[in-house]
Amino acid sequence: MRTDVVLLFVAGAVLLVSANNPYTSKYDNIDIDRILNNDRVLTNYIKCVMDEGPCTPDGRELKKILPDALASDCTKCNEKQKSTAEKVFKHLTKNRPKDWDRLSKKFDPQGTYKKRYEEHISKS
């Protein structure tokens, strides 16, 4: 019985620590403007996250964290990641609305995160 309690406590502590770990900053210095202004490169990233094409290492990382980042309102993101995400969202909504709709349908079928994002943008 005592061993079960200890194991339960350790498992809870591991979950708590992993839930609060920030996302890697390894890709914070990529040139997001270069990606957004290059249709071929941006299309490849979109295909990656939509499971329609191969992924670069940073594309795989994005694809891995995107659902959690959306669900948690980017609470594990650092400021650079938040500003990059906002820049990408603005670019896609303005310049690639069809891709924005496809991504929204995949990652936000109920429109929960899209509504939260639009409220945030209207305040800034």
PDB file of N, CA and C in Angstrom:
ATOM      1  N   MET A   1       0.830  -1.194   0.000  1.00  0.00           N
ATOM      2  CA  MET A   1       0.000   0.000   0.000  1.00  0.00           C
ATOM      3  C   MET A   1       0.874   1.257   0.000  1.00  0.00           C
ATOM      4  N   ARG A   2       1.862   1.286   0.871  1.00  0.00           N
ATOM      5  CA  ARG A   2       2.750   2.451   0.960  1.00  0.00           C
ATOM      6  C   ARG A   2       3.492   2.661  -0.366  1.00  0.00           C
ATOM      7  N   THR A   3       3.922   1.576  -1.009  1.00  0.00           N
ATOM      8  CA  THR A   3       4.612   1.668  -2.291  1.00  0.00           C
ATOM      9  C   THR A   3       3.697   2.277  -3.349  1.00  0.00           C
ATOM     10  N   ASP A   4       2.415   1.899  -3.327  1.00  0.00           N
ATOM     11  CA  ASP A   4       1.458   2.455  -4.283  1.00  0.00           C
ATOM     12  C   ASP A   4       1.321   3.965  -4.111  1.00  0.00           C
ATOM     13  N   VAL A   5       1.280   4.414  -2.868  1.00  0.00           N
ATOM     14  CA  VAL A   5       1.150   5.850  -2.600  1.00  0.00           C
ATOM     15  C   VAL A   5       2.385   6.595  -3.097  1.00  0.00           C
ATOM     16  N   VAL A   6       3.565   6.031  -2.853  1.00  0.00           N
ATOM     17  CA  VAL A   6       4.812   6.655  -3.296  1.00  0.00           C
ATOM     18  C   VAL A   6       4.842   6.710  -4.825  1.00  0.00           C
ATOM     19  N   LEU A   7       4.485   5.611  -5.495  1.00  0.00           N
ATOM     20  CA  LEU A   7       4.470   5.586  -6.952  1.00  0.00           C
ATOM     21  C   LEU A   7       3.471   6.594  -7.516  1.00  0.00           C
ATOM     22  N   LEU A   8       2.316   6.698  -6.888  1.00  0.00           N
ATOM     23  CA  LEU A   8       1.313   7.657  -7.325  1.00  0.00           C
ATOM     24  C   LEU A   8       1.835   9.093  -7.175  1.00  0.00           C
ATOM     25  N   PHE A   9       2.506   9.364  -6.060  1.00  0.00           N
ATOM     26  CA  PHE A   9       3.070  10.687  -5.832  1.00  0.00           C
ATOM     27  C   PHE A   9       4.142  11.015  -6.874  1.00  0.00           C
ATOM     28  N   VAL A  10       5.025  10.059  -7.141  1.00  0.00           N
ATOM     29  CA  VAL A  10       6.097  10.270  -8.120  1.00  0.00           C
ATOM     30  C   VAL A  10       5.501  10.489  -9.509  1.00  0.00           C
ATOM     31  N   ALA A  11       4.510   9.689  -9.882  1.00  0.00           N
ATOM     32  CA  ALA A  11       3.876   9.846 -11.194  1.00  0.00           C
ATOM     33  C   ALA A  11       3.220  11.222 -11.303  1.00  0.00           C
ATOM     34  N   GLY A  12       2.560  11.661 -10.237  1.00  0.00           N
ATOM     35  CA  GLY A  12       1.938  12.993 -10.241  1.00  0.00           C
ATOM     36  C   GLY A  12       2.977  14.093 -10.363  1.00  0.00           C
ATOM     37  N   ALA A  13       4.093  13.944  -9.685  1.00  0.00           N
ATOM     38  CA  ALA A  13       5.159  14.951  -9.752  1.00  0.00           C
ATOM     39  C   ALA A  13       5.749  15.012 -11.161  1.00  0.00           C
ATOM     40  N   VAL A  14       5.946  13.872 -11.783  1.00  0.00           N
ATOM     41  CA  VAL A  14       6.480  13.839 -13.155  1.00  0.00           C
ATOM     42  C   VAL A  14       5.520  14.529 -14.106  1.00  0.00           C
ATOM     43  N   LEU A  15       4.231  14.248 -13.975  1.00  0.00           N
ATOM     44  CA  LEU A  15       3.241  14.898 -14.835  1.00  0.00           C
ATOM     45  C   LEU A  15       3.213  16.404 -14.609  1.00  0.00           C
ATOM     46  N   LEU A  16       3.300  16.827 -13.372  1.00  0.00           N
ATOM     47  CA  LEU A  16       3.286  18.254 -13.062  1.00  0.00           C
ATOM     48  C   LEU A  16       4.493  18.955 -13.664  1.00  0.00           C
ATOM     49  N   VAL A  17       5.660  18.375 -13.519  1.00  0.00           N
ATOM     50  CA  VAL A  17       6.877  18.979 -14.062  1.00  0.00           C
ATOM     51  C   VAL A  17       6.812  19.027 -15.578  1.00  0.00           C
ATOM     52  N   SER A  18       6.386  17.931 -16.215  1.00  0.00           N
ATOM     53  CA  SER A  18       6.346  17.932 -17.677  1.00  0.00           C
ATOM     54  C   SER A  18       5.276  18.871 -18.200  1.00  0.00           C
ATOM     55  N   ALA A  19       4.206  19.092 -17.454  1.00  0.00           N
ATOM     56  CA  ALA A  19       3.148  19.993 -17.895  1.00  0.00           C
ATOM     57  C   ALA A  19       3.598  21.448 -17.866  1.00  0.00           C
ATOM     58  N   ASN A  20       4.564  21.771 -17.027  1.00  0.00           N
ATOM     59  CA  ASN A  20       5.019  23.154 -16.887  1.00  0.00           C
ATOM     60  C   ASN A  20       6.284  23.452 -17.677  1.00  0.00           C
ATOM     61  N   ASN A  21       6.838  22.468 -18.373  1.00  0.00           N
ATOM     62  CA  ASN A  21       8.047  22.691 -19.143  1.00  0.00           C
ATOM     63  C   ASN A  21       7.744  23.573 -20.342  1.00  0.00           C
ATOM     64  N   PRO A  22       8.525  24.628 -20.515  1.00  0.00           N
ATOM     65  CA  PRO A  22       8.315  25.473 -21.696  1.00  0.00           C
ATOM     66  C   PRO A  22       8.749  24.745 -22.962  1.00  0.00           C
ATOM     67  N   TYR A  23       8.251  25.223 -24.095  1.00  0.00           N
ATOM     68  CA  TYR A  23       8.657  24.658 -25.378  1.00  0.00           C
ATOM     69  C   TYR A  23      10.112  25.014 -25.638  1.00  0.00           C
ATOM     70  N   THR A  24      10.761  24.205 -26.446  1.00  0.00           N
ATOM     71  CA  THR A  24      12.165  24.455 -26.765  1.00  0.00           C
ATOM     72  C   THR A  24      12.330  25.814 -27.457  1.00  0.00           C
ATOM     73  N   SER A  25      13.408  26.468 -27.153  1.00  0.00           N
ATOM     74  CA  SER A  25      13.713  27.747 -27.812  1.00  0.00           C
ATOM     75  C   SER A  25      14.691  27.530 -28.972  1.00  0.00           C
ATOM     76  N   LYS A  26      14.931  26.282 -29.283  1.00  0.00           N
ATOM     77  CA  LYS A  26      15.903  25.912 -30.315  1.00  0.00           C
ATOM     78  C   LYS A  26      15.629  26.595 -31.657  1.00  0.00           C
ATOM     79  N   TYR A  27      14.356  26.811 -31.986  1.00  0.00           N
ATOM     80  CA  TYR A  27      14.007  27.376 -33.288  1.00  0.00           C
ATOM     81  C   TYR A  27      13.551  28.831 -33.204  1.00  0.00           C
ATOM     82  N   ASP A  28      13.794  29.487 -32.086  1.00  0.00           N
ATOM     83  CA  ASP A  28      13.328  30.865 -31.918  1.00  0.00           C
ATOM     84  C   ASP A  28      13.982  31.850 -32.877  1.00  0.00           C
ATOM     85  N   ASN A  29      15.141  31.519 -33.394  1.00  0.00           N
ATOM     86  CA  ASN A  29      15.857  32.469 -34.247  1.00  0.00           C
ATOM     87  C   ASN A  29      15.705  32.201 -35.738  1.00  0.00           C
ATOM     88  N   ILE A  30      14.723  31.365 -36.120  1.00  0.00           N
ATOM     89  CA  ILE A  30      14.503  31.187 -37.556  1.00  0.00           C
ATOM     90  C   ILE A  30      13.949  32.493 -38.124  1.00  0.00           C
ATOM     91  N   ASP A  31      14.226  32.727 -39.367  1.00  0.00           N
ATOM     92  CA  ASP A  31      13.784  33.962 -40.024  1.00  0.00           C
ATOM     93  C   ASP A  31      12.351  33.775 -40.511  1.00  0.00           C
ATOM     94  N   ILE A  32      11.392  34.094 -39.650  1.00  0.00           N
ATOM     95  CA  ILE A  32       9.985  33.860 -39.962  1.00  0.00           C
ATOM     96  C   ILE A  32       9.525  34.709 -41.147  1.00  0.00           C
ATOM     97  N   ASP A  33      10.074  35.896 -41.298  1.00  0.00           N
ATOM     98  CA  ASP A  33       9.698  36.742 -42.441  1.00  0.00           C
ATOM     99  C   ASP A  33      10.112  36.101 -43.758  1.00  0.00           C
ATOM    100  N   ARG A  34      11.284  35.476 -43.775  1.00  0.00           N
ATOM    101  CA  ARG A  34      11.749  34.782 -44.984  1.00  0.00           C
ATOM    102  C   ARG A  34      10.798  33.641 -45.321  1.00  0.00           C
ATOM    103  N   ILE A  35      10.345  32.923 -44.323  1.00  0.00           N
ATOM    104  CA  ILE A  35       9.417  31.810 -44.548  1.00  0.00           C
ATOM    105  C   ILE A  35       8.070  32.330 -45.045  1.00  0.00           C
ATOM    106  N   LEU A  36       7.543  33.353 -44.384  1.00  0.00           N
ATOM    107  CA  LEU A  36       6.225  33.878 -44.751  1.00  0.00           C
ATOM    108  C   LEU A  36       6.214  34.511 -46.136  1.00  0.00           C
ATOM    109  N   ASN A  37       7.346  35.049 -46.557  1.00  0.00           N
ATOM    110  CA  ASN A  37       7.415  35.715 -47.854  1.00  0.00           C
ATOM    111  C   ASN A  37       7.887  34.805 -48.991  1.00  0.00           C
ATOM    112  N   ASN A  38       8.032  33.522 -48.703  1.00  0.00           N
ATOM    113  CA  ASN A  38       8.435  32.559 -49.717  1.00  0.00           C
ATOM    114  C   ASN A  38       7.317  31.515 -49.821  1.00  0.00           C
ATOM    115  N   ASP A  39       6.487  31.642 -50.849  1.00  0.00           N
ATOM    116  CA  ASP A  39       5.319  30.763 -50.988  1.00  0.00           C
ATOM    117  C   ASP A  39       5.686  29.279 -50.979  1.00  0.00           C
ATOM    118  N   ARG A  40       6.765  28.929 -51.634  1.00  0.00           N
ATOM    119  CA  ARG A  40       7.160  27.524 -51.695  1.00  0.00           C
ATOM    120  C   ARG A  40       7.495  26.986 -50.309  1.00  0.00           C
ATOM    121  N   VAL A  41       8.271  27.735 -49.552  1.00  0.00           N
ATOM    122  CA  VAL A  41       8.674  27.297 -48.216  1.00  0.00           C
ATOM    123  C   VAL A  41       7.462  27.264 -47.278  1.00  0.00           C
ATOM    124  N   LEU A  42       6.656  28.305 -47.316  1.00  0.00           N
ATOM    125  CA  LEU A  42       5.466  28.348 -46.457  1.00  0.00           C
ATOM    126  C   LEU A  42       4.519  27.202 -46.794  1.00  0.00           C
ATOM    127  N   THR A  43       4.328  26.939 -48.071  1.00  0.00           N
ATOM    128  CA  THR A  43       3.466  25.824 -48.490  1.00  0.00           C
ATOM    129  C   THR A  43       4.000  24.502 -47.956  1.00  0.00           C
ATOM    130  N   ASN A  44       5.317  24.330 -47.961  1.00  0.00           N
ATOM    131  CA  ASN A  44       5.901  23.097 -47.422  1.00  0.00           C
ATOM    132  C   ASN A  44       5.632  22.954 -45.922  1.00  0.00           C
ATOM    133  N   TYR A  45       5.708  24.044 -45.172  1.00  0.00           N
ATOM    134  CA  TYR A  45       5.387  23.985 -43.741  1.00  0.00           C
ATOM    135  C   TYR A  45       3.917  23.635 -43.536  1.00  0.00           C
ATOM    136  N   ILE A  46       3.053  24.241 -44.329  1.00  0.00           N
ATOM    137  CA  ILE A  46       1.623  23.955 -44.212  1.00  0.00           C
ATOM    138  C   ILE A  46       1.348  22.498 -44.546  1.00  0.00           C
ATOM    139  N   LYS A  47       1.964  21.992 -45.608  1.00  0.00           N
ATOM    140  CA  LYS A  47       1.790  20.580 -45.958  1.00  0.00           C
ATOM    141  C   LYS A  47       2.286  19.673 -44.836  1.00  0.00           C
ATOM    142  N   CYS A  48       3.374  20.055 -44.203  1.00  0.00           N
ATOM    143  CA  CYS A  48       3.914  19.275 -43.088  1.00  0.00           C
ATOM    144  C   CYS A  48       2.885  19.156 -41.965  1.00  0.00           C
ATOM    145  N   VAL A  49       2.387  20.283 -41.485  1.00  0.00           N
ATOM    146  CA  VAL A  49       1.468  20.231 -40.336  1.00  0.00           C
ATOM    147  C   VAL A  49       0.118  19.634 -40.709  1.00  0.00           C
ATOM    148  N   MET A  50      -0.215  19.648 -42.002  1.00  0.00           N
ATOM    149  CA  MET A  50      -1.474  19.056 -42.456  1.00  0.00           C
ATOM    150  C   MET A  50      -1.315  17.568 -42.810  1.00  0.00           C
ATOM    151  N   ASP A  51      -0.135  17.008 -42.580  1.00  0.00           N
ATOM    152  CA  ASP A  51       0.162  15.608 -42.912  1.00  0.00           C
ATOM    153  C   ASP A  51       0.030  15.330 -44.405  1.00  0.00           C
ATOM    154  N   GLU A  52       0.416  16.315 -45.209  1.00  0.00           N
ATOM    155  CA  GLU A  52       0.326  16.178 -46.662  1.00  0.00           C
ATOM    156  C   GLU A  52       1.698  16.164 -47.332  1.00  0.00           C
ATOM    157  N   GLY A  53       2.746  16.277 -46.543  1.00  0.00           N
ATOM    158  CA  GLY A  53       4.086  16.308 -47.101  1.00  0.00           C
ATOM    159  C   GLY A  53       5.126  16.089 -46.025  1.00  0.00           C
ATOM    160  N   PRO A  54       6.392  15.989 -46.431  1.00  0.00           N
ATOM    161  CA  PRO A  54       7.462  15.761 -45.454  1.00  0.00           C
ATOM    162  C   PRO A  54       7.689  16.997 -44.582  1.00  0.00           C
ATOM    163  N   CYS A  55       8.344  16.770 -43.454  1.00  0.00           N
ATOM    164  CA  CYS A  55       8.619  17.855 -42.507  1.00  0.00           C
ATOM    165  C   CYS A  55      10.112  18.040 -42.298  1.00  0.00           C
ATOM    166  N   THR A  56      10.522  19.280 -42.147  1.00  0.00           N
ATOM    167  CA  THR A  56      11.870  19.594 -41.690  1.00  0.00           C
ATOM    168  C   THR A  56      11.882  19.363 -40.177  1.00  0.00           C
ATOM    169  N   PRO A  57      13.048  19.347 -39.532  1.00  0.00           N
ATOM    170  CA  PRO A  57      13.063  19.182 -38.073  1.00  0.00           C
ATOM    171  C   PRO A  57      12.230  20.251 -37.342  1.00  0.00           C
ATOM    172  N   ASP A  58      12.329  21.505 -37.774  1.00  0.00           N
ATOM    173  CA  ASP A  58      11.537  22.534 -37.105  1.00  0.00           C
ATOM    174  C   ASP A  58      10.051  22.387 -37.435  1.00  0.00           C
ATOM    175  N   GLY A  59       9.733  21.882 -38.620  1.00  0.00           N
ATOM    176  CA  GLY A  59       8.340  21.607 -38.968  1.00  0.00           C
ATOM    177  C   GLY A  59       7.760  20.504 -38.096  1.00  0.00           C
ATOM    178  N   ARG A  60       8.550  19.457 -37.849  1.00  0.00           N
ATOM    179  CA  ARG A  60       8.110  18.369 -36.968  1.00  0.00           C
ATOM    180  C   ARG A  60       7.852  18.888 -35.559  1.00  0.00           C
ATOM    181  N   GLU A  61       8.744  19.759 -35.080  1.00  0.00           N
ATOM    182  CA  GLU A  61       8.572  20.324 -33.731  1.00  0.00           C
ATOM    183  C   GLU A  61       7.294  21.162 -33.669  1.00  0.00           C
ATOM    184  N   LEU A  62       7.074  21.979 -34.686  1.00  0.00           N
ATOM    185  CA  LEU A  62       5.860  22.788 -34.750  1.00  0.00           C
ATOM    186  C   LEU A  62       4.623  21.901 -34.745  1.00  0.00           C
ATOM    187  N   LYS A  63       4.642  20.887 -35.559  1.00  0.00           N
ATOM    188  CA  LYS A  63       3.509  19.960 -35.668  1.00  0.00           C
ATOM    189  C   LYS A  63       3.246  19.260 -34.332  1.00  0.00           C
ATOM    190  N   LYS A  64       4.316  18.965 -33.613  1.00  0.00           N
ATOM    191  CA  LYS A  64       4.192  18.274 -32.328  1.00  0.00           C
ATOM    192  C   LYS A  64       3.571  19.179 -31.258  1.00  0.00           C
ATOM    193  N   ILE A  65       4.006  20.449 -31.212  1.00  0.00           N
ATOM    194  CA  ILE A  65       3.551  21.319 -30.113  1.00  0.00           C
ATOM    195  C   ILE A  65       2.287  22.115 -30.441  1.00  0.00           C
ATOM    196  N   LEU A  66       1.948  22.236 -31.719  1.00  0.00           N
ATOM    197  CA  LEU A  66       0.828  23.085 -32.121  1.00  0.00           C
ATOM    198  C   LEU A  66      -0.484  22.773 -31.393  1.00  0.00           C
ATOM    199  N   PRO A  67      -0.924  21.523 -31.314  1.00  0.00           N
ATOM    200  CA  PRO A  67      -2.189  21.262 -30.609  1.00  0.00           C
ATOM    201  C   PRO A  67      -2.153  21.700 -29.142  1.00  0.00           C
ATOM    202  N   ASP A  68      -1.056  21.422 -28.461  1.00  0.00           N
ATOM    203  CA  ASP A  68      -0.939  21.813 -27.056  1.00  0.00           C
ATOM    204  C   ASP A  68      -0.859  23.327 -26.911  1.00  0.00           C
ATOM    205  N   ALA A  69      -0.117  23.979 -27.792  1.00  0.00           N
ATOM    206  CA  ALA A  69       0.012  25.438 -27.727  1.00  0.00           C
ATOM    207  C   ALA A  69      -1.345  26.111 -27.923  1.00  0.00           C
ATOM    208  N   LEU A  70      -2.139  25.597 -28.846  1.00  0.00           N
ATOM    209  CA  LEU A  70      -3.469  26.155 -29.070  1.00  0.00           C
ATOM    210  C   LEU A  70      -4.372  25.912 -27.862  1.00  0.00           C
ATOM    211  N   ALA A  71      -4.365  24.694 -27.351  1.00  0.00           N
ATOM    212  CA  ALA A  71      -5.242  24.339 -26.238  1.00  0.00           C
ATOM    213  C   ALA A  71      -4.889  25.092 -24.961  1.00  0.00           C
ATOM    214  N   SER A  72      -3.605  25.365 -24.763  1.00  0.00           N
ATOM    215  CA  SER A  72      -3.160  26.017 -23.523  1.00  0.00           C
ATOM    216  C   SER A  72      -2.998  27.527 -23.685  1.00  0.00           C
ATOM    217  N   ASP A  73      -3.435  28.063 -24.803  1.00  0.00           N
ATOM    218  CA  ASP A  73      -3.278  29.492 -25.081  1.00  0.00           C
ATOM    219  C   ASP A  73      -1.807  29.901 -25.019  1.00  0.00           C
ATOM    220  N   CYS A  74      -0.962  28.999 -25.460  1.00  0.00           N
ATOM    221  CA  CYS A  74       0.481  29.235 -25.567  1.00  0.00           C
ATOM    222  C   CYS A  74       1.125  29.562 -24.209  1.00  0.00           C
ATOM    223  N   THR A  75       0.639  28.947 -23.153  1.00  0.00           N
ATOM    224  CA  THR A  75       1.197  29.233 -21.832  1.00  0.00           C
ATOM    225  C   THR A  75       2.639  28.755 -21.674  1.00  0.00           C
ATOM    226  N   LYS A  76       3.062  27.780 -22.489  1.00  0.00           N
ATOM    227  CA  LYS A  76       4.445  27.296 -22.429  1.00  0.00           C
ATOM    228  C   LYS A  76       5.348  28.023 -23.418  1.00  0.00           C
ATOM    229  N   CYS A  77       4.784  28.967 -24.164  1.00  0.00           N
ATOM    230  CA  CYS A  77       5.556  29.732 -25.145  1.00  0.00           C
ATOM    231  C   CYS A  77       6.312  30.865 -24.458  1.00  0.00           C
ATOM    232  N   ASN A  78       7.498  31.167 -24.961  1.00  0.00           N
ATOM    233  CA  ASN A  78       8.184  32.362 -24.493  1.00  0.00           C
ATOM    234  C   ASN A  78       7.675  33.549 -25.324  1.00  0.00           C
ATOM    235  N   GLU A  79       8.111  34.744 -24.999  1.00  0.00           N
ATOM    236  CA  GLU A  79       7.601  35.943 -25.687  1.00  0.00           C
ATOM    237  C   GLU A  79       7.915  35.940 -27.178  1.00  0.00           C
ATOM    238  N   LYS A  80       9.091  35.465 -27.544  1.00  0.00           N
ATOM    239  CA  LYS A  80       9.468  35.386 -28.961  1.00  0.00           C
ATOM    240  C   LYS A  80       8.517  34.457 -29.705  1.00  0.00           C
ATOM    241  N   GLN A  81       8.203  33.310 -29.117  1.00  0.00           N
ATOM    242  CA  GLN A  81       7.298  32.354 -29.755  1.00  0.00           C
ATOM    243  C   GLN A  81       5.889  32.932 -29.882  1.00  0.00           C
ATOM    244  N   LYS A  82       5.446  33.660 -28.877  1.00  0.00           N
ATOM    245  CA  LYS A  82       4.118  34.282 -28.943  1.00  0.00           C
ATOM    246  C   LYS A  82       4.052  35.331 -30.051  1.00  0.00           C
ATOM    247  N   SER A  83       5.089  36.159 -30.166  1.00  0.00           N
ATOM    248  CA  SER A  83       5.065  37.186 -31.204  1.00  0.00           C
ATOM    249  C   SER A  83       5.188  36.561 -32.594  1.00  0.00           C
ATOM    250  N   THR A  84       5.966  35.486 -32.711  1.00  0.00           N
ATOM    251  CA  THR A  84       6.082  34.785 -33.992  1.00  0.00           C
ATOM    252  C   THR A  84       4.743  34.163 -34.370  1.00  0.00           C
ATOM    253  N   ALA A  85       4.075  33.534 -33.418  1.00  0.00           N
ATOM    254  CA  ALA A  85       2.769  32.921 -33.685  1.00  0.00           C
ATOM    255  C   ALA A  85       1.771  33.979 -34.148  1.00  0.00           C
ATOM    256  N   GLU A  86       1.771  35.120 -33.487  1.00  0.00           N
ATOM    257  CA  GLU A  86       0.855  36.195 -33.878  1.00  0.00           C
ATOM    258  C   GLU A  86       1.148  36.675 -35.301  1.00  0.00           C
ATOM    259  N   LYS A  87       2.432  36.802 -35.629  1.00  0.00           N
ATOM    260  CA  LYS A  87       2.819  37.233 -36.977  1.00  0.00           C
ATOM    261  C   LYS A  87       2.347  36.219 -38.022  1.00  0.00           C
ATOM    262  N   VAL A  88       2.514  34.934 -37.716  1.00  0.00           N
ATOM    263  CA  VAL A  88       2.089  33.881 -38.643  1.00  0.00           C
ATOM    264  C   VAL A  88       0.570  33.908 -38.805  1.00  0.00           C
ATOM    265  N   PHE A  89      -0.158  34.017 -37.699  1.00  0.00           N
ATOM    266  CA  PHE A  89      -1.624  34.047 -37.766  1.00  0.00           C
ATOM    267  C   PHE A  89      -2.103  35.234 -38.593  1.00  0.00           C
ATOM    268  N   LYS A  90      -1.515  36.395 -38.372  1.00  0.00           N
ATOM    269  CA  LYS A  90      -1.911  37.580 -39.143  1.00  0.00           C
ATOM    270  C   LYS A  90      -1.629  37.384 -40.630  1.00  0.00           C
ATOM    271  N   HIS A  91      -0.454  36.838 -40.923  1.00  0.00           N
ATOM    272  CA  HIS A  91      -0.083  36.625 -42.324  1.00  0.00           C
ATOM    273  C   HIS A  91      -1.045  35.641 -43.002  1.00  0.00           C
ATOM    274  N   LEU A  92      -1.320  34.539 -42.339  1.00  0.00           N
ATOM    275  CA  LEU A  92      -2.188  33.535 -42.940  1.00  0.00           C
ATOM    276  C   LEU A  92      -3.613  34.053 -43.129  1.00  0.00           C
ATOM    277  N   THR A  93      -4.142  34.764 -42.139  1.00  0.00           N
ATOM    278  CA  THR A  93      -5.520  35.263 -42.272  1.00  0.00           C
ATOM    279  C   THR A  93      -5.619  36.291 -43.387  1.00  0.00           C
ATOM    280  N   LYS A  94      -4.578  37.098 -43.564  1.00  0.00           N
ATOM    281  CA  LYS A  94      -4.612  38.157 -44.575  1.00  0.00           C
ATOM    282  C   LYS A  94      -4.234  37.641 -45.968  1.00  0.00           C
ATOM    283  N   ASN A  95      -3.179  36.834 -46.049  1.00  0.00           N
ATOM    284  CA  ASN A  95      -2.603  36.461 -47.338  1.00  0.00           C
ATOM    285  C   ASN A  95      -2.914  35.045 -47.815  1.00  0.00           C
ATOM    286  N   ARG A  96      -3.283  34.177 -46.901  1.00  0.00           N
ATOM    287  CA  ARG A  96      -3.543  32.772 -47.270  1.00  0.00           C
ATOM    288  C   ARG A  96      -4.804  32.278 -46.557  1.00  0.00           C
ATOM    289  N   PRO A  97      -5.934  32.950 -46.769  1.00  0.00           N
ATOM    290  CA  PRO A  97      -7.155  32.593 -46.023  1.00  0.00           C
ATOM    291  C   PRO A  97      -7.623  31.157 -46.249  1.00  0.00           C
ATOM    292  N   LYS A  98      -7.397  30.605 -47.429  1.00  0.00           N
ATOM    293  CA  LYS A  98      -7.805  29.207 -47.666  1.00  0.00           C
ATOM    294  C   LYS A  98      -6.976  28.259 -46.808  1.00  0.00           C
ATOM    295  N   ASP A  99      -5.674  28.529 -46.713  1.00  0.00           N
ATOM    296  CA  ASP A  99      -4.820  27.709 -45.847  1.00  0.00           C
ATOM    297  C   ASP A  99      -5.193  27.907 -44.383  1.00  0.00           C
ATOM    298  N   TRP A 100      -5.497  29.142 -43.998  1.00  0.00           N
ATOM    299  CA  TRP A 100      -5.924  29.431 -42.629  1.00  0.00           C
ATOM    300  C   TRP A 100      -7.179  28.619 -42.293  1.00  0.00           C
ATOM    301  N   ASP A 101      -8.127  28.573 -43.223  1.00  0.00           N
ATOM    302  CA  ASP A 101      -9.358  27.812 -42.996  1.00  0.00           C
ATOM    303  C   ASP A 101      -9.073  26.315 -42.865  1.00  0.00           C
ATOM    304  N   ARG A 102      -8.206  25.806 -43.725  1.00  0.00           N
ATOM    305  CA  ARG A 102      -7.858  24.375 -43.651  1.00  0.00           C
ATOM    306  C   ARG A 102      -7.175  24.036 -42.329  1.00  0.00           C
ATOM    307  N   LEU A 103      -6.223  24.880 -41.925  1.00  0.00           N
ATOM    308  CA  LEU A 103      -5.526  24.653 -40.660  1.00  0.00           C
ATOM    309  C   LEU A 103      -6.495  24.759 -39.491  1.00  0.00           C
ATOM    310  N   SER A 104      -7.395  25.734 -39.551  1.00  0.00           N
ATOM    311  CA  SER A 104      -8.383  25.905 -38.487  1.00  0.00           C
ATOM    312  C   SER A 104      -9.283  24.681 -38.377  1.00  0.00           C
ATOM    313  N   LYS A 105      -9.702  24.150 -39.508  1.00  0.00           N
ATOM    314  CA  LYS A 105     -10.577  22.966 -39.491  1.00  0.00           C
ATOM    315  C   LYS A 105      -9.866  21.760 -38.882  1.00  0.00           C
ATOM    316  N   LYS A 106      -8.580  21.651 -39.130  1.00  0.00           N
ATOM    317  CA  LYS A 106      -7.834  20.510 -38.584  1.00  0.00           C
ATOM    318  C   LYS A 106      -7.548  20.680 -37.097  1.00  0.00           C
ATOM    319  N   PHE A 107      -7.057  21.850 -36.709  1.00  0.00           N
ATOM    320  CA  PHE A 107      -6.587  22.032 -35.342  1.00  0.00           C
ATOM    321  C   PHE A 107      -7.608  22.692 -34.419  1.00  0.00           C
ATOM    322  N   ASP A 108      -8.686  23.218 -34.985  1.00  0.00           N
ATOM    323  CA  ASP A 108      -9.674  23.928 -34.179  1.00  0.00           C
ATOM    324  C   ASP A 108     -11.075  23.758 -34.778  1.00  0.00           C
ATOM    325  N   PRO A 109     -11.548  22.516 -34.877  1.00  0.00           N
ATOM    326  CA  PRO A 109     -12.829  22.283 -35.562  1.00  0.00           C
ATOM    327  C   PRO A 109     -14.025  22.984 -34.910  1.00  0.00           C
ATOM    328  N   GLN A 110     -13.977  23.236 -33.604  1.00  0.00           N
ATOM    329  CA  GLN A 110     -15.075  23.941 -32.937  1.00  0.00           C
ATOM    330  C   GLN A 110     -14.921  25.461 -32.977  1.00  0.00           C
ATOM    331  N   GLY A 111     -13.777  25.954 -33.432  1.00  0.00           N
ATOM    332  CA  GLY A 111     -13.553  27.386 -33.529  1.00  0.00           C
ATOM    333  C   GLY A 111     -13.194  28.061 -32.218  1.00  0.00           C
ATOM    334  N   THR A 112     -12.885  27.288 -31.204  1.00  0.00           N
ATOM    335  CA  THR A 112     -12.568  27.820 -29.876  1.00  0.00           C
ATOM    336  C   THR A 112     -11.323  28.708 -29.901  1.00  0.00           C
ATOM    337  N   TYR A 113     -10.245  28.195 -30.467  1.00  0.00           N
ATOM    338  CA  TYR A 113      -8.978  28.927 -30.459  1.00  0.00           C
ATOM    339  C   TYR A 113      -9.030  30.101 -31.424  1.00  0.00           C
ATOM    340  N   LYS A 114      -9.716  29.919 -32.539  1.00  0.00           N
ATOM    341  CA  LYS A 114      -9.857  30.991 -33.527  1.00  0.00           C
ATOM    342  C   LYS A 114     -10.566  32.191 -32.900  1.00  0.00           C
ATOM    343  N   LYS A 115     -11.606  31.926 -32.141  1.00  0.00           N
ATOM    344  CA  LYS A 115     -12.344  32.996 -31.463  1.00  0.00           C
ATOM    345  C   LYS A 115     -11.438  33.712 -30.458  1.00  0.00           C
ATOM    346  N   ARG A 116     -10.692  32.933 -29.692  1.00  0.00           N
ATOM    347  CA  ARG A 116      -9.770  33.506 -28.695  1.00  0.00           C
ATOM    348  C   ARG A 116      -8.722  34.374 -29.387  1.00  0.00           C
ATOM    349  N   TYR A 117      -8.198  33.893 -30.517  1.00  0.00           N
ATOM    350  CA  TYR A 117      -7.184  34.642 -31.265  1.00  0.00           C
ATOM    351  C   TYR A 117      -7.773  35.947 -31.814  1.00  0.00           C
ATOM    352  N   GLU A 118      -8.964  35.868 -32.391  1.00  0.00           N
ATOM    353  CA  GLU A 118      -9.590  37.069 -32.947  1.00  0.00           C
ATOM    354  C   GLU A 118      -9.874  38.108 -31.859  1.00  0.00           C
ATOM    355  N   GLU A 119     -10.270  37.651 -30.672  1.00  0.00           N
ATOM    356  CA  GLU A 119     -10.472  38.575 -29.550  1.00  0.00           C
ATOM    357  C   GLU A 119      -9.154  39.223 -29.149  1.00  0.00           C
ATOM    358  N   HIS A 120      -8.094  38.435 -29.124  1.00  0.00           N
ATOM    359  CA  HIS A 120      -6.770  38.966 -28.771  1.00  0.00           C
ATOM    360  C   HIS A 120      -6.325  40.020 -29.786  1.00  0.00           C
ATOM    361  N   ILE A 121      -6.496  39.727 -31.064  1.00  0.00           N
ATOM    362  CA  ILE A 121      -6.082  40.653 -32.118  1.00  0.00           C
ATOM    363  C   ILE A 121      -6.894  41.953 -32.055  1.00  0.00           C
ATOM    364  N   SER A 122      -8.174  41.848 -31.759  1.00  0.00           N
ATOM    365  CA  SER A 122      -9.004  43.063 -31.699  1.00  0.00           C
ATOM    366  C   SER A 122      -8.594  43.959 -30.531  1.00  0.00           C
ATOM    367  N   LYS A 123      -7.982  43.374 -29.493  1.00  0.00           N
ATOM    368  CA  LYS A 123      -7.523  44.164 -28.340  1.00  0.00           C
ATOM    369  C   LYS A 123      -6.171  44.813 -28.585  1.00  0.00           C
ATOM    370  N   SER A 124      -5.374  44.242 -29.527  1.00  0.00           N
ATOM    371  CA  SER A 124      -4.026  44.784 -29.739  1.00  0.00           C
ATOM    372  C   SER A 124      -3.946  45.754 -30.865  1.00  0.00           C
TER     373      SER A 124
END
